[in-house]
Full PDB file with SEQRES, HELIX, SHEET, SSBOND, CRYST1, ORIGX, SCALE, CONECT and MASTER records, all heavy atoms in Angstrom:
SEQRES   1 A   35  ALA PHE LYS LYS MET PRO GLY LEU VAL ALA ASP GLY ARG          
SEQRES   2 A   35  ASP MET GLY THR VAL VAL PHE PRO GLU ALA THR LEU LYS          
SEQRES   3 A   35  VAL PHE LEU ALA ALA SER ALA TRP THR                          
HELIX    1 AA1 MET A   15  VAL A   19  3                                   5    
CRYST1    1.000    1.000    1.000  90.00  90.00  90.00 P 1           1          
ORIGX1      1.000000  0.000000  0.000000        0.00000                         
ORIGX2      0.000000  1.000000  0.000000        0.00000                         
ORIGX3      0.000000  0.000000  1.000000        0.00000                         
SCALE1      1.000000  0.000000  0.000000        0.00000                         
SCALE2      0.000000  1.000000  0.000000        0.00000                         
SCALE3      0.000000  0.000000  1.000000        0.00000                         
ATOM      1  N   ALA A   1     105.736 152.573  72.006  1.00  0.00           N  
ATOM      2  CA  ALA A   1     105.978 153.380  73.184  1.00  0.00           C  
ATOM      3  C   ALA A   1     104.712 153.497  74.050  1.00  0.00           C  
ATOM      4  O   ALA A   1     104.782 153.877  75.215  1.00  0.00           O  
ATOM      5  CB  ALA A   1     106.448 154.770  72.781  1.00  0.00           C  
ATOM      6  N   PHE A   2     103.546 153.113  73.520  1.00  0.00           N  
ATOM      7  CA  PHE A   2     102.315 153.115  74.279  1.00  0.00           C  
ATOM      8  C   PHE A   2     102.244 151.981  75.295  1.00  0.00           C  
ATOM      9  O   PHE A   2     101.404 151.958  76.157  1.00  0.00           O  
ATOM     10  CB  PHE A   2     101.094 153.029  73.357  1.00  0.00           C  
ATOM     11  CG  PHE A   2     100.706 154.325  72.686  1.00  0.00           C  
ATOM     12  CD1 PHE A   2     101.373 154.821  71.584  1.00  0.00           C  
ATOM     13  CD2 PHE A   2      99.653 155.086  73.200  1.00  0.00           C  
ATOM     14  CE1 PHE A   2     101.001 156.003  70.986  1.00  0.00           C  
ATOM     15  CE2 PHE A   2      99.255 156.259  72.628  1.00  0.00           C  
ATOM     16  CZ  PHE A   2      99.936 156.749  71.513  1.00  0.00           C  
ATOM     17  N   LYS A   3     103.130 151.036  75.152  1.00  0.00           N  
ATOM     18  CA  LYS A   3     103.129 149.845  76.037  1.00  0.00           C  
ATOM     19  C   LYS A   3     103.707 150.185  77.407  1.00  0.00           C  
ATOM     20  O   LYS A   3     104.881 150.376  77.586  1.00  0.00           O  
ATOM     21  CB  LYS A   3     103.965 148.708  75.398  1.00  0.00           C  
ATOM     22  CG  LYS A   3     103.946 147.397  76.148  1.00  0.00           C  
ATOM     23  CD  LYS A   3     104.759 146.323  75.412  1.00  0.00           C  
ATOM     24  CE  LYS A   3     104.751 145.033  76.188  1.00  0.00           C  
ATOM     25  NZ  LYS A   3     105.569 143.990  75.489  1.00  0.00           N  
ATOM     26  N   LYS A   4     102.799 150.330  78.371  1.00  0.00           N  
ATOM     27  CA  LYS A   4     103.200 150.708  79.734  1.00  0.00           C  
ATOM     28  C   LYS A   4     102.356 149.929  80.721  1.00  0.00           C  
ATOM     29  O   LYS A   4     101.275 149.372  80.367  1.00  0.00           O  
ATOM     30  CB  LYS A   4     102.947 152.215  79.955  1.00  0.00           C  
ATOM     31  CG  LYS A   4     103.712 153.139  79.018  1.00  0.00           C  
ATOM     32  CD  LYS A   4     103.326 154.583  79.210  1.00  0.00           C  
ATOM     33  CE  LYS A   4     104.047 155.517  78.217  1.00  0.00           C  
ATOM     34  NZ  LYS A   4     103.590 156.924  78.374  1.00  0.00           N  
ATOM     35  N   MET A   5     102.843 149.877  81.951  1.00  0.00           N  
ATOM     36  CA  MET A   5     102.064 149.255  83.008  1.00  0.00           C  
ATOM     37  C   MET A   5     100.831 150.072  83.341  1.00  0.00           C  
ATOM     38  O   MET A   5     100.893 151.310  83.271  1.00  0.00           O  
ATOM     39  CB  MET A   5     102.911 149.086  84.281  1.00  0.00           C  
ATOM     40  CG  MET A   5     103.903 147.946  84.179  1.00  0.00           C  
ATOM     41  SD  MET A   5     103.080 146.355  84.045  1.00  0.00           S  
ATOM     42  CE  MET A   5     102.257 146.245  85.643  1.00  0.00           C  
ATOM     43  N   PRO A   6      99.694 149.419  83.655  1.00  0.00           N  
ATOM     44  CA  PRO A   6      99.504 148.009  83.960  1.00  0.00           C  
ATOM     45  C   PRO A   6      99.282 147.148  82.714  1.00  0.00           C  
ATOM     46  O   PRO A   6      99.220 145.914  82.824  1.00  0.00           O  
ATOM     47  CB  PRO A   6      98.317 147.967  84.861  1.00  0.00           C  
ATOM     48  CG  PRO A   6      97.492 149.146  84.382  1.00  0.00           C  
ATOM     49  CD  PRO A   6      98.470 150.209  84.007  1.00  0.00           C  
ATOM     50  N   GLY A   7      99.110 147.759  81.517  1.00  0.00           N  
ATOM     51  CA  GLY A   7      98.851 146.993  80.324  1.00  0.00           C  
ATOM     52  C   GLY A   7      98.386 147.888  79.216  1.00  0.00           C  
ATOM     53  O   GLY A   7      98.132 149.081  79.403  1.00  0.00           O  
ATOM     54  N   LEU A   8      98.283 147.317  78.005  1.00  0.00           N  
ATOM     55  CA  LEU A   8      97.881 148.117  76.826  1.00  0.00           C  
ATOM     56  C   LEU A   8      96.842 147.341  76.016  1.00  0.00           C  
ATOM     57  O   LEU A   8      96.954 146.146  75.797  1.00  0.00           O  
ATOM     58  CB  LEU A   8      99.120 148.400  75.961  1.00  0.00           C  
ATOM     59  CG  LEU A   8      98.818 149.089  74.611  1.00  0.00           C  
ATOM     60  CD1 LEU A   8      98.365 150.505  74.850  1.00  0.00           C  
ATOM     61  CD2 LEU A   8     100.079 149.043  73.751  1.00  0.00           C  
ATOM     62  N   VAL A   9      95.819 148.093  75.569  1.00  0.00           N  
ATOM     63  CA  VAL A   9      94.881 147.601  74.568  1.00  0.00           C  
ATOM     64  C   VAL A   9      95.181 148.356  73.284  1.00  0.00           C  
ATOM     65  O   VAL A   9      95.112 149.560  73.253  1.00  0.00           O  
ATOM     66  CB  VAL A   9      93.424 147.836  75.008  1.00  0.00           C  
ATOM     67  CG1 VAL A   9      92.478 147.376  73.876  1.00  0.00           C  
ATOM     68  CG2 VAL A   9      93.094 147.115  76.281  1.00  0.00           C  
ATOM     69  N   ALA A  10      95.574 147.605  72.248  1.00  0.00           N  
ATOM     70  CA  ALA A  10      96.000 148.232  70.992  1.00  0.00           C  
ATOM     71  C   ALA A  10      95.022 147.911  69.874  1.00  0.00           C  
ATOM     72  O   ALA A  10      94.761 146.751  69.556  1.00  0.00           O  
ATOM     73  CB  ALA A  10      97.382 147.773  70.584  1.00  0.00           C  
ATOM     74  N   ASP A  11      94.465 148.969  69.239  1.00  0.00           N  
ATOM     75  CA  ASP A  11      93.444 148.825  68.204  1.00  0.00           C  
ATOM     76  C   ASP A  11      94.043 149.185  66.841  1.00  0.00           C  
ATOM     77  O   ASP A  11      94.677 150.224  66.684  1.00  0.00           O  
ATOM     78  CB  ASP A  11      92.303 149.773  68.572  1.00  0.00           C  
ATOM     79  CG  ASP A  11      91.438 150.194  67.399  1.00  0.00           C  
ATOM     80  OD1 ASP A  11      91.393 149.472  66.409  1.00  0.00           O  
ATOM     81  OD2 ASP A  11      90.823 151.281  67.499  1.00  0.00           O  
ATOM     82  N   GLY A  12      93.870 148.289  65.862  1.00  0.00           N  
ATOM     83  CA  GLY A  12      94.384 148.589  64.540  1.00  0.00           C  
ATOM     84  C   GLY A  12      94.145 147.485  63.540  1.00  0.00           C  
ATOM     85  O   GLY A  12      93.147 146.779  63.606  1.00  0.00           O  
ATOM     86  N   ARG A  13      95.088 147.337  62.613  1.00  0.00           N  
ATOM     87  CA  ARG A  13      94.988 146.300  61.572  1.00  0.00           C  
ATOM     88  C   ARG A  13      96.164 145.363  61.561  1.00  0.00           C  
ATOM     89  O   ARG A  13      96.082 144.296  60.988  1.00  0.00           O  
ATOM     90  CB  ARG A  13      94.792 146.972  60.191  1.00  0.00           C  
ATOM     91  CG  ARG A  13      93.445 147.600  59.985  1.00  0.00           C  
ATOM     92  CD  ARG A  13      93.371 148.398  58.713  1.00  0.00           C  
ATOM     93  NE  ARG A  13      92.049 148.926  58.507  1.00  0.00           N  
ATOM     94  CZ  ARG A  13      91.492 149.923  59.153  1.00  0.00           C  
ATOM     95  NH1 ARG A  13      92.163 150.521  60.140  1.00  0.00           N  
ATOM     96  NH2 ARG A  13      90.261 150.333  58.870  1.00  0.00           N  
ATOM     97  N   ASP A  14      97.283 145.795  62.136  1.00  0.00           N  
ATOM     98  CA  ASP A  14      98.446 144.943  62.198  1.00  0.00           C  
ATOM     99  C   ASP A  14      99.031 144.889  63.599  1.00  0.00           C  
ATOM    100  O   ASP A  14     100.234 144.615  63.793  1.00  0.00           O  
ATOM    101  CB  ASP A  14      99.525 145.407  61.208  1.00  0.00           C  
ATOM    102  CG  ASP A  14     100.053 146.788  61.544  1.00  0.00           C  
ATOM    103  OD1 ASP A  14      99.439 147.518  62.360  1.00  0.00           O  
ATOM    104  OD2 ASP A  14     101.137 147.157  61.008  1.00  0.00           O  
ATOM    105  N   MET A  15      98.210 145.122  64.596  1.00  0.00           N  
ATOM    106  CA  MET A  15      98.687 145.144  65.973  1.00  0.00           C  
ATOM    107  C   MET A  15      99.209 143.785  66.418  1.00  0.00           C  
ATOM    108  O   MET A  15     100.281 143.668  67.037  1.00  0.00           O  
ATOM    109  CB  MET A  15      97.578 145.596  66.923  1.00  0.00           C  
ATOM    110  CG  MET A  15      97.109 147.025  66.713  1.00  0.00           C  
ATOM    111  SD  MET A  15      98.360 148.293  67.045  1.00  0.00           S  
ATOM    112  CE  MET A  15      98.883 148.684  65.377  1.00  0.00           C  
ATOM    113  N   GLY A  16      98.470 142.716  66.111  1.00  0.00           N  
ATOM    114  CA  GLY A  16      98.854 141.385  66.548  1.00  0.00           C  
ATOM    115  C   GLY A  16      99.868 140.720  65.656  1.00  0.00           C  
ATOM    116  O   GLY A  16     100.532 139.752  66.061  1.00  0.00           O  
ATOM    117  N   THR A  17      99.990 141.176  64.404  1.00  0.00           N  
ATOM    118  CA  THR A  17     100.891 140.542  63.457  1.00  0.00           C  
ATOM    119  C   THR A  17     102.265 141.217  63.375  1.00  0.00           C  
ATOM    120  O   THR A  17     103.289 140.519  63.212  1.00  0.00           O  
ATOM    121  CB  THR A  17     100.294 140.506  62.042  1.00  0.00           C  
ATOM    122  OG1 THR A  17      99.927 141.853  61.706  1.00  0.00           O  
ATOM    123  CG2 THR A  17      99.075 139.603  62.001  1.00  0.00           C  
ATOM    124  N   VAL A  18     102.310 142.534  63.535  1.00  0.00           N  
ATOM    125  CA  VAL A  18     103.568 143.285  63.338  1.00  0.00           C  
ATOM    126  C   VAL A  18     103.980 144.076  64.563  1.00  0.00           C  
ATOM    127  O   VAL A  18     105.100 143.993  65.030  1.00  0.00           O  
ATOM    128  CB  VAL A  18     103.435 144.220  62.124  1.00  0.00           C  
ATOM    129  CG1 VAL A  18     104.693 145.102  61.973  1.00  0.00           C  
ATOM    130  CG2 VAL A  18     103.160 143.440  60.862  1.00  0.00           C  
ATOM    131  N   VAL A  19     103.076 144.912  65.096  1.00  0.00           N  
ATOM    132  CA  VAL A  19     103.460 145.856  66.153  1.00  0.00           C  
ATOM    133  C   VAL A  19     103.662 145.133  67.461  1.00  0.00           C  
ATOM    134  O   VAL A  19     104.669 145.363  68.170  1.00  0.00           O  
ATOM    135  CB  VAL A  19     102.387 146.972  66.266  1.00  0.00           C  
ATOM    136  CG1 VAL A  19     102.856 148.009  67.301  1.00  0.00           C  
ATOM    137  CG2 VAL A  19     102.175 147.633  64.937  1.00  0.00           C  
ATOM    138  N   PHE A  20     102.737 144.269  67.863  1.00  0.00           N  
ATOM    139  CA  PHE A  20     102.867 143.547  69.126  1.00  0.00           C  
ATOM    140  C   PHE A  20     102.666 142.026  68.920  1.00  0.00           C  
ATOM    141  O   PHE A  20     101.682 141.438  69.383  1.00  0.00           O  
ATOM    142  CB  PHE A  20     101.828 144.056  70.160  1.00  0.00           C  
ATOM    143  CG  PHE A  20     101.976 145.524  70.478  1.00  0.00           C  
ATOM    144  CD1 PHE A  20     101.079 146.452  69.983  1.00  0.00           C  
ATOM    145  CD2 PHE A  20     103.011 145.949  71.275  1.00  0.00           C  
ATOM    146  CE1 PHE A  20     101.193 147.810  70.318  1.00  0.00           C  
ATOM    147  CE2 PHE A  20     103.183 147.312  71.566  1.00  0.00           C  
ATOM    148  CZ  PHE A  20     102.286 148.226  71.101  1.00  0.00           C  
ATOM    149  N   PRO A  21     103.563 141.376  68.200  1.00  0.00           N  
ATOM    150  CA  PRO A  21     103.441 139.943  67.972  1.00  0.00           C  
ATOM    151  C   PRO A  21     103.507 139.119  69.239  1.00  0.00           C  
ATOM    152  O   PRO A  21     103.089 137.943  69.259  1.00  0.00           O  
ATOM    153  CB  PRO A  21     104.582 139.608  67.028  1.00  0.00           C  
ATOM    154  CG  PRO A  21     105.619 140.697  67.312  1.00  0.00           C  
ATOM    155  CD  PRO A  21     104.812 141.916  67.604  1.00  0.00           C  
ATOM    156  N   GLU A  22     104.002 139.747  70.305  1.00  0.00           N  
ATOM    157  CA  GLU A  22     104.088 139.055  71.603  1.00  0.00           C  
ATOM    158  C   GLU A  22     102.859 139.203  72.458  1.00  0.00           C  
ATOM    159  O   GLU A  22     102.846 138.775  73.617  1.00  0.00           O  
ATOM    160  CB  GLU A  22     105.325 139.597  72.368  1.00  0.00           C  
ATOM    161  CG  GLU A  22     105.117 140.949  73.049  1.00  0.00           C  
ATOM    162  CD  GLU A  22     105.045 142.179  72.109  1.00  0.00           C  
ATOM    163  OE1 GLU A  22     105.200 142.005  70.894  1.00  0.00           O  
ATOM    164  OE2 GLU A  22     104.840 143.303  72.634  1.00  0.00           O  
ATOM    165  N   ALA A  23     101.804 139.818  71.935  1.00  0.00           N  
ATOM    166  CA  ALA A  23     100.606 140.152  72.703  1.00  0.00           C  
ATOM    167  C   ALA A  23     100.038 138.908  73.451  1.00  0.00           C  
ATOM    168  O   ALA A  23     100.062 137.802  72.935  1.00  0.00           O  
ATOM    169  CB  ALA A  23      99.531 140.716  71.807  1.00  0.00           C  
ATOM    170  N   THR A  24      99.544 139.156  74.649  1.00  0.00           N  
ATOM    171  CA  THR A  24      98.981 138.096  75.475  1.00  0.00           C  
ATOM    172  C   THR A  24      97.709 137.538  74.863  1.00  0.00           C  
ATOM    173  O   THR A  24      97.460 136.333  74.903  1.00  0.00           O  
ATOM    174  CB  THR A  24      98.670 138.652  76.892  1.00  0.00           C  
ATOM    175  OG1 THR A  24      99.778 139.405  77.356  1.00  0.00           O  
ATOM    176  CG2 THR A  24      98.352 137.527  77.859  1.00  0.00           C  
ATOM    177  N   LEU A  25      96.893 138.427  74.323  1.00  0.00           N  
ATOM    178  CA  LEU A  25      95.632 138.027  73.685  1.00  0.00           C  
ATOM    179  C   LEU A  25      95.467 138.830  72.415  1.00  0.00           C  
ATOM    180  O   LEU A  25      95.577 140.057  72.397  1.00  0.00           O  
ATOM    181  CB  LEU A  25      94.433 138.324  74.626  1.00  0.00           C  
ATOM    182  CG  LEU A  25      93.046 138.109  74.060  1.00  0.00           C  
ATOM    183  CD1 LEU A  25      92.838 136.668  73.616  1.00  0.00           C  
ATOM    184  CD2 LEU A  25      91.969 138.526  75.068  1.00  0.00           C  
ATOM    185  N   LYS A  26      95.201 138.116  71.318  1.00  0.00           N  
ATOM    186  CA  LYS A  26      95.018 138.748  69.997  1.00  0.00           C  
ATOM    187  C   LYS A  26      93.570 138.490  69.547  1.00  0.00           C  
ATOM    188  O   LYS A  26      93.192 137.359  69.292  1.00  0.00           O  
ATOM    189  CB  LYS A  26      95.994 138.175  68.971  1.00  0.00           C  
ATOM    190  CG  LYS A  26      97.464 138.398  69.364  1.00  0.00           C  
ATOM    191  CD  LYS A  26      98.389 137.749  68.371  1.00  0.00           C  
ATOM    192  CE  LYS A  26      99.851 137.867  68.827  1.00  0.00           C  
ATOM    193  NZ  LYS A  26     100.776 137.231  67.872  1.00  0.00           N  
ATOM    194  N   VAL A  27      92.814 139.592  69.456  1.00  0.00           N  
ATOM    195  CA  VAL A  27      91.419 139.492  69.010  1.00  0.00           C  
ATOM    196  C   VAL A  27      91.314 140.034  67.620  1.00  0.00           C  
ATOM    197  O   VAL A  27      91.878 141.108  67.303  1.00  0.00           O  
ATOM    198  CB  VAL A  27      90.495 140.309  69.969  1.00  0.00           C  
ATOM    199  CG1 VAL A  27      89.016 140.205  69.523  1.00  0.00           C  
ATOM    200  CG2 VAL A  27      90.650 139.848  71.395  1.00  0.00           C  
ATOM    201  N   PHE A  28      90.646 139.320  66.741  1.00  0.00           N  
ATOM    202  CA  PHE A  28      90.401 139.784  65.362  1.00  0.00           C  
ATOM    203  C   PHE A  28      88.907 139.840  65.149  1.00  0.00           C  
ATOM    204  O   PHE A  28      88.213 138.838  65.156  1.00  0.00           O  
ATOM    205  CB  PHE A  28      91.035 138.841  64.341  1.00  0.00           C  
ATOM    206  CG  PHE A  28      91.041 139.399  62.939  1.00  0.00           C  
ATOM    207  CD1 PHE A  28      92.120 140.095  62.450  1.00  0.00           C  
ATOM    208  CD2 PHE A  28      89.941 139.261  62.093  1.00  0.00           C  
ATOM    209  CE1 PHE A  28      92.144 140.620  61.149  1.00  0.00           C  
ATOM    210  CE2 PHE A  28      89.925 139.755  60.824  1.00  0.00           C  
ATOM    211  CZ  PHE A  28      91.030 140.423  60.336  1.00  0.00           C  
ATOM    212  N   LEU A  29      88.377 141.082  64.982  1.00  0.00           N  
ATOM    213  CA  LEU A  29      86.946 141.260  64.764  1.00  0.00           C  
ATOM    214  C   LEU A  29      86.633 141.185  63.270  1.00  0.00           C  
ATOM    215  O   LEU A  29      87.349 141.771  62.442  1.00  0.00           O  
ATOM    216  CB  LEU A  29      86.479 142.624  65.324  1.00  0.00           C  
ATOM    217  CG  LEU A  29      86.663 142.835  66.821  1.00  0.00           C  
ATOM    218  CD1 LEU A  29      86.004 144.162  67.222  1.00  0.00           C  
ATOM    219  CD2 LEU A  29      86.074 141.695  67.627  1.00  0.00           C  
ATOM    220  N   ALA A  30      85.547 140.510  62.905  1.00  0.00           N  
ATOM    221  CA  ALA A  30      85.161 140.341  61.545  1.00  0.00           C  
ATOM    222  C   ALA A  30      83.667 140.620  61.365  1.00  0.00           C  
ATOM    223  O   ALA A  30      82.878 140.387  62.292  1.00  0.00           O  
ATOM    224  CB  ALA A  30      85.490 138.948  61.041  1.00  0.00           C  
ATOM    225  N   ALA A  31      83.287 141.117  60.192  1.00  0.00           N  
ATOM    226  CA  ALA A  31      81.881 141.320  59.828  1.00  0.00           C  
ATOM    227  C   ALA A  31      81.811 141.566  58.345  1.00  0.00           C  
ATOM    228  O   ALA A  31      82.805 141.988  57.721  1.00  0.00           O  
ATOM    229  CB  ALA A  31      81.297 142.527  60.603  1.00  0.00           C  
ATOM    230  N   SER A  32      80.673 141.292  57.745  1.00  0.00           N  
ATOM    231  CA  SER A  32      80.529 141.478  56.277  1.00  0.00           C  
ATOM    232  C   SER A  32      80.605 142.960  55.945  1.00  0.00           C  
ATOM    233  O   SER A  32      80.373 143.817  56.759  1.00  0.00           O  
ATOM    234  CB  SER A  32      79.197 140.905  55.816  1.00  0.00           C  
ATOM    235  OG  SER A  32      78.131 141.678  56.319  1.00  0.00           O  
ATOM    236  N   ALA A  33      80.971 143.250  54.684  1.00  0.00           N  
ATOM    237  CA  ALA A  33      81.018 144.642  54.197  1.00  0.00           C  
ATOM    238  C   ALA A  33      79.670 145.300  54.311  1.00  0.00           C  
ATOM    239  O   ALA A  33      79.535 146.469  54.642  1.00  0.00           O  
ATOM    240  CB  ALA A  33      81.517 144.657  52.766  1.00  0.00           C  
ATOM    241  N   TRP A  34      78.589 144.537  54.066  1.00  0.00           N  
ATOM    242  CA  TRP A  34      77.233 145.058  54.166  1.00  0.00           C  
ATOM    243  C   TRP A  34      76.930 145.498  55.608  1.00  0.00           C  
ATOM    244  O   TRP A  34      76.437 146.616  55.853  1.00  0.00           O  
ATOM    245  CB  TRP A  34      76.212 144.058  53.687  1.00  0.00           C  
ATOM    246  CG  TRP A  34      74.803 144.441  54.070  1.00  0.00           C  
ATOM    247  CD1 TRP A  34      74.066 143.953  55.082  1.00  0.00           C  
ATOM    248  CD2 TRP A  34      74.029 145.462  53.451  1.00  0.00           C  
ATOM    249  NE1 TRP A  34      72.855 144.589  55.161  1.00  0.00           N  
ATOM    250  CE2 TRP A  34      72.797 145.533  54.175  1.00  0.00           C  
ATOM    251  CE3 TRP A  34      74.207 146.356  52.376  1.00  0.00           C  
ATOM    252  CZ2 TRP A  34      71.774 146.434  53.825  1.00  0.00           C  
ATOM    253  CZ3 TRP A  34      73.175 147.235  52.054  1.00  0.00           C  
ATOM    254  CH2 TRP A  34      72.013 147.256  52.772  1.00  0.00           C  
ATOM    255  N   THR A  35      77.233 144.651  56.553  1.00  0.00           N  
ATOM    256  CA  THR A  35      76.968 144.935  57.971  1.00  0.00           C  
ATOM    257  C   THR A  35      77.732 146.193  58.419  1.00  0.00           C  
ATOM    258  O   THR A  35      77.184 147.081  59.060  1.00  0.00           O  
ATOM    259  CB  THR A  35      77.385 143.746  58.883  1.00  0.00           C  
ATOM    260  OG1 THR A  35      76.559 142.636  58.553  1.00  0.00           O  
ATOM    261  CG2 THR A  35      77.190 144.106  60.342  1.00  0.00           C  
TER     262      THR A  35                                                      
MASTER        0    0    0    1    0    0    0    6  261    1    0    3          
END                                                                             
């Protein structure tokens, strides 16, 4: 329901795989556990 014009930035762990699989751009941030 957060998906509204002009657009949505969705932050999470399954946003691109489950919640918004149709997303225009899917960014996955990674870093070591130590960092």
